[in-house]
N, C-alpha and C. Protein backbone atom coordinates (compact mmCIF):
# COMPACT_ATOMS: atom_id res chain seq x y z
N MET A 1 -17.14 48.93 -21.56
CA MET A 1 -15.52 50.02 -21.80
C MET A 1 -14.70 48.74 -21.28
N GLY A 2 -13.68 49.00 -21.85
CA GLY A 2 -12.80 48.16 -21.59
C GLY A 2 -11.58 48.55 -20.29
N VAL A 3 -10.67 47.26 -20.19
CA VAL A 3 -9.65 48.18 -18.91
C VAL A 3 -8.71 49.02 -18.65
N GLU A 4 -8.41 49.49 -20.45
CA GLU A 4 -7.65 50.77 -20.52
C GLU A 4 -8.46 51.84 -20.39
N GLU A 5 -10.00 51.56 -21.28
CA GLU A 5 -10.46 53.10 -20.96
C GLU A 5 -10.74 53.02 -19.43
N SER A 6 -11.44 52.38 -18.96
CA SER A 6 -11.63 52.73 -17.65
C SER A 6 -10.49 53.50 -16.45
N VAL A 7 -9.08 52.63 -17.24
CA VAL A 7 -7.31 52.76 -16.27
C VAL A 7 -7.31 54.38 -16.43
N GLU A 8 -7.53 54.83 -17.94
CA GLU A 8 -7.64 56.55 -18.61
C GLU A 8 -8.96 57.42 -17.94
N GLN A 9 -10.18 56.80 -17.34
CA GLN A 9 -11.02 57.64 -17.07
C GLN A 9 -10.19 57.68 -15.77
N TYR A 10 -10.03 56.83 -15.16
CA TYR A 10 -9.74 57.00 -13.42
C TYR A 10 -8.17 58.22 -13.37
N ARG A 11 -7.63 57.89 -14.64
CA ARG A 11 -6.82 59.00 -14.61
C ARG A 11 -7.26 60.35 -15.21
N GLN A 12 -8.10 60.77 -15.90
CA GLN A 12 -8.67 61.54 -15.87
C GLN A 12 -8.93 62.43 -14.68
N TRP A 13 -10.12 61.84 -13.79
CA TRP A 13 -10.63 62.05 -12.93
C TRP A 13 -10.05 62.38 -11.84
N ILE A 14 -8.49 61.53 -11.53
CA ILE A 14 -7.55 62.05 -10.83
C ILE A 14 -6.53 63.37 -10.71
N GLN A 15 -6.87 63.73 -12.33
CA GLN A 15 -6.04 64.74 -12.59
C GLN A 15 -6.82 65.58 -12.17
N GLU A 16 -8.07 66.06 -12.83
CA GLU A 16 -9.13 67.20 -12.48
C GLU A 16 -9.39 67.58 -11.06
N LEU A 17 -9.36 66.37 -10.10
CA LEU A 17 -9.25 66.44 -9.15
C LEU A 17 -8.22 67.15 -8.38
N LEU A 18 -7.47 66.67 -8.74
CA LEU A 18 -6.04 67.59 -8.04
C LEU A 18 -5.74 68.85 -8.58
N LEU A 19 -5.80 69.02 -9.99
CA LEU A 19 -5.95 70.14 -10.36
C LEU A 19 -6.63 71.34 -9.81
N GLU A 20 -8.06 71.05 -9.71
CA GLU A 20 -9.02 71.68 -9.19
C GLU A 20 -8.76 72.23 -7.42
N ARG A 21 -7.72 71.27 -6.84
CA ARG A 21 -7.76 71.13 -5.19
C ARG A 21 -6.17 72.28 -5.35
N ALA A 22 -5.92 72.02 -6.38
CA ALA A 22 -4.22 72.83 -5.91
C ALA A 22 -4.71 74.46 -6.61
N ASN A 23 -6.02 74.60 -7.37
CA ASN A 23 -6.48 75.49 -8.01
C ASN A 23 -7.19 76.53 -7.11
N ARG A 24 -7.15 76.03 -5.56
CA ARG A 24 -8.25 76.37 -4.61
C ARG A 24 -7.47 78.09 -4.22
N LYS A 25 -8.30 78.68 -3.93
CA LYS A 25 -8.18 80.12 -2.79
C LYS A 25 -8.04 78.73 -1.97
N ARG A 26 -6.71 79.83 -1.05
CA ARG A 26 -6.21 79.37 0.01
C ARG A 26 -6.29 80.17 1.52
N THR A 27 -6.69 79.62 2.81
CA THR A 27 -6.89 80.40 3.91
C THR A 27 -5.74 81.12 3.93
N PHE A 28 -4.58 80.30 3.65
CA PHE A 28 -3.27 81.21 4.24
C PHE A 28 -2.47 81.09 2.72
N PRO A 29 -2.03 81.99 2.19
CA PRO A 29 -1.42 82.46 0.17
C PRO A 29 -0.44 82.18 0.94
N GLU A 30 0.27 82.00 1.87
CA GLU A 30 1.63 82.00 2.02
C GLU A 30 2.00 80.49 1.58
N ILE A 31 1.28 79.54 1.75
CA ILE A 31 1.27 78.10 1.37
C ILE A 31 0.39 77.67 0.22
N GLU A 32 1.72 77.17 -0.62
CA GLU A 32 1.31 77.09 -1.84
C GLU A 32 0.64 75.60 -2.02
N ALA A 33 -0.28 74.86 -3.00
CA ALA A 33 -0.41 74.19 -3.39
C ALA A 33 -0.11 73.33 -4.74
N GLN A 34 0.84 71.95 -4.51
CA GLN A 34 0.96 71.67 -5.90
C GLN A 34 0.85 70.40 -5.86
N ALA A 35 0.18 70.22 -7.73
CA ALA A 35 -0.15 68.73 -7.93
C ALA A 35 0.33 68.40 -8.73
N VAL A 36 0.94 66.79 -8.26
CA VAL A 36 2.40 66.09 -8.70
C VAL A 36 1.61 64.85 -9.54
N LEU A 37 1.52 65.14 -11.18
CA LEU A 37 0.67 63.76 -11.59
C LEU A 37 1.83 63.08 -12.34
N ASP A 38 2.05 62.15 -12.27
CA ASP A 38 3.18 61.21 -12.95
C ASP A 38 2.37 60.29 -13.40
N THR A 39 1.78 60.67 -15.11
CA THR A 39 0.61 59.77 -15.74
C THR A 39 1.67 58.44 -16.12
N GLU A 40 3.12 58.57 -16.30
CA GLU A 40 3.45 57.11 -17.10
C GLU A 40 3.59 55.81 -15.57
N ARG A 41 4.01 56.89 -14.45
CA ARG A 41 3.71 55.54 -13.05
C ARG A 41 2.40 55.70 -12.91
N ASP A 42 1.08 56.07 -12.81
CA ASP A 42 -0.02 56.50 -11.96
C ASP A 42 0.04 56.79 -10.80
N HIS A 43 1.42 57.50 -10.28
CA HIS A 43 1.26 58.15 -8.87
C HIS A 43 0.76 60.15 -8.98
N TYR A 44 -0.33 59.68 -8.08
CA TYR A 44 -0.54 61.05 -7.92
C TYR A 44 -0.30 61.75 -6.78
N LEU A 45 -0.04 63.36 -6.21
CA LEU A 45 -0.06 63.84 -5.32
C LEU A 45 -0.66 65.39 -5.45
N LEU A 46 -0.77 65.68 -4.10
CA LEU A 46 -1.23 66.85 -3.72
C LEU A 46 -0.54 67.34 -2.17
N LEU A 47 0.33 68.42 -2.49
CA LEU A 47 1.63 68.64 -1.76
C LEU A 47 0.99 70.48 -1.02
N HIS A 48 1.84 70.38 0.12
CA HIS A 48 1.34 71.85 0.41
C HIS A 48 2.98 72.11 1.25
N THR A 49 3.42 73.25 0.66
CA THR A 49 4.86 73.65 1.38
C THR A 49 4.68 75.06 1.37
N GLY A 50 5.08 76.09 1.94
CA GLY A 50 5.14 76.70 2.56
C GLY A 50 5.14 77.77 4.33
N TRP A 51 5.22 78.77 4.59
CA TRP A 51 5.18 79.17 5.93
C TRP A 51 4.29 79.06 6.67
N LYS A 52 4.15 79.35 7.67
CA LYS A 52 2.91 79.43 8.66
C LYS A 52 3.23 79.83 10.23
N ASP A 53 2.80 81.07 10.54
CA ASP A 53 3.43 81.90 11.76
C ASP A 53 5.27 81.40 11.97
N ASN A 54 5.78 81.99 10.86
CA ASN A 54 6.99 81.54 10.85
C ASN A 54 7.56 79.96 11.28
N ARG A 55 6.98 79.84 10.45
CA ARG A 55 7.80 78.19 10.73
C ARG A 55 7.28 77.58 9.34
N ARG A 56 7.87 76.58 8.83
CA ARG A 56 7.93 75.83 7.50
C ARG A 56 6.86 74.59 7.79
N THR A 57 6.07 75.01 6.87
CA THR A 57 5.16 73.69 6.33
C THR A 57 5.58 72.84 5.38
N HIS A 58 5.02 71.29 5.44
CA HIS A 58 5.13 70.87 4.07
C HIS A 58 4.59 69.47 4.56
N GLY A 59 4.09 69.20 3.15
CA GLY A 59 3.25 67.30 3.48
C GLY A 59 2.39 67.36 2.42
N CYS A 60 1.78 66.10 2.12
CA CYS A 60 1.41 65.45 1.33
C CYS A 60 -0.03 65.74 1.70
N SER A 61 -1.26 65.86 0.81
CA SER A 61 -2.56 65.80 1.39
C SER A 61 -3.09 64.97 1.13
N LEU A 62 -3.31 64.94 -0.23
CA LEU A 62 -3.77 63.55 -0.89
C LEU A 62 -2.85 62.96 -1.87
N HIS A 63 -2.79 61.32 -1.70
CA HIS A 63 -1.58 60.51 -2.82
C HIS A 63 -2.97 59.44 -3.39
N LEU A 64 -2.98 59.72 -4.56
CA LEU A 64 -3.57 58.03 -4.88
C LEU A 64 -2.38 57.67 -5.64
N ASP A 65 -2.84 56.26 -6.36
CA ASP A 65 -1.69 55.50 -7.10
C ASP A 65 -2.83 54.70 -7.89
N ILE A 66 -2.75 54.41 -9.44
CA ILE A 66 -3.68 53.36 -9.78
C ILE A 66 -2.52 52.30 -10.08
N LYS A 67 -3.04 50.78 -9.74
CA LYS A 67 -2.40 50.02 -9.74
C LYS A 67 -2.56 48.64 -10.22
N ASN A 68 -2.21 48.22 -11.01
CA ASN A 68 -2.77 46.24 -11.71
C ASN A 68 -3.00 45.77 -10.92
N VAL A 69 -4.04 45.10 -10.27
CA VAL A 69 -4.27 44.48 -9.04
C VAL A 69 -4.46 42.91 -9.47
N ASP A 70 -4.65 42.79 -10.67
CA ASP A 70 -4.39 41.12 -11.58
C ASP A 70 -3.69 40.18 -10.63
N THR A 71 -2.61 40.68 -10.55
CA THR A 71 -1.25 39.94 -10.18
C THR A 71 -1.68 39.91 -8.91
N PRO A 72 -1.91 38.80 -7.98
CA PRO A 72 -1.81 38.94 -6.14
C PRO A 72 -0.47 38.94 -5.91
N ARG A 73 -0.30 39.67 -4.29
CA ARG A 73 0.76 39.73 -3.94
C ARG A 73 0.66 39.45 -2.54
N PRO A 74 2.04 38.86 -2.13
CA PRO A 74 1.89 38.10 -0.48
C PRO A 74 1.07 38.97 0.01
N GLY A 75 0.72 38.41 1.46
CA GLY A 75 -0.27 39.54 2.09
C GLY A 75 -1.35 40.45 1.81
N ARG A 76 -1.82 40.37 0.68
CA ARG A 76 -2.49 41.17 0.25
C ARG A 76 -4.29 40.43 -0.50
N THR A 77 -4.86 41.09 0.30
CA THR A 77 -6.09 40.72 0.04
C THR A 77 -7.41 41.08 0.60
N GLY A 78 -8.48 40.96 -0.32
CA GLY A 78 -9.72 41.57 -0.42
C GLY A 78 -9.48 42.38 -1.21
N ILE A 79 -8.66 42.79 -2.51
CA ILE A 79 -8.17 43.72 -3.31
C ILE A 79 -9.70 44.39 -4.09
N LEU A 80 -9.65 45.28 -4.63
CA LEU A 80 -11.09 45.78 -5.62
C LEU A 80 -9.92 45.49 -6.87
N ALA A 81 -10.71 44.60 -7.83
CA ALA A 81 -9.96 44.39 -9.09
C ALA A 81 -10.62 45.87 -10.18
N TRP A 82 -9.94 45.62 -11.15
CA TRP A 82 -10.80 46.50 -12.06
C TRP A 82 -11.70 45.64 -12.76
N PRO A 83 -12.68 46.48 -13.21
CA PRO A 83 -13.84 45.71 -13.75
C PRO A 83 -13.80 45.13 -14.95
């Protein structure tokens, strides 16, 4: 499997994970889960937003990026590279 096929497989796994989690039955139905899938830039988020006890709640439960680590960047060591 080449690099492009590996990256495409990662995209598919991440999207399946986020969509499954966004569609789960929630303990607090007034809080919505949203999967944000940016396949062009490979940014993926699982957000929650809504109300709990008359207070606004929102945040990011999960944030995943697929990055090309073949190019070294200052201050970055010990990075896992694509196979």
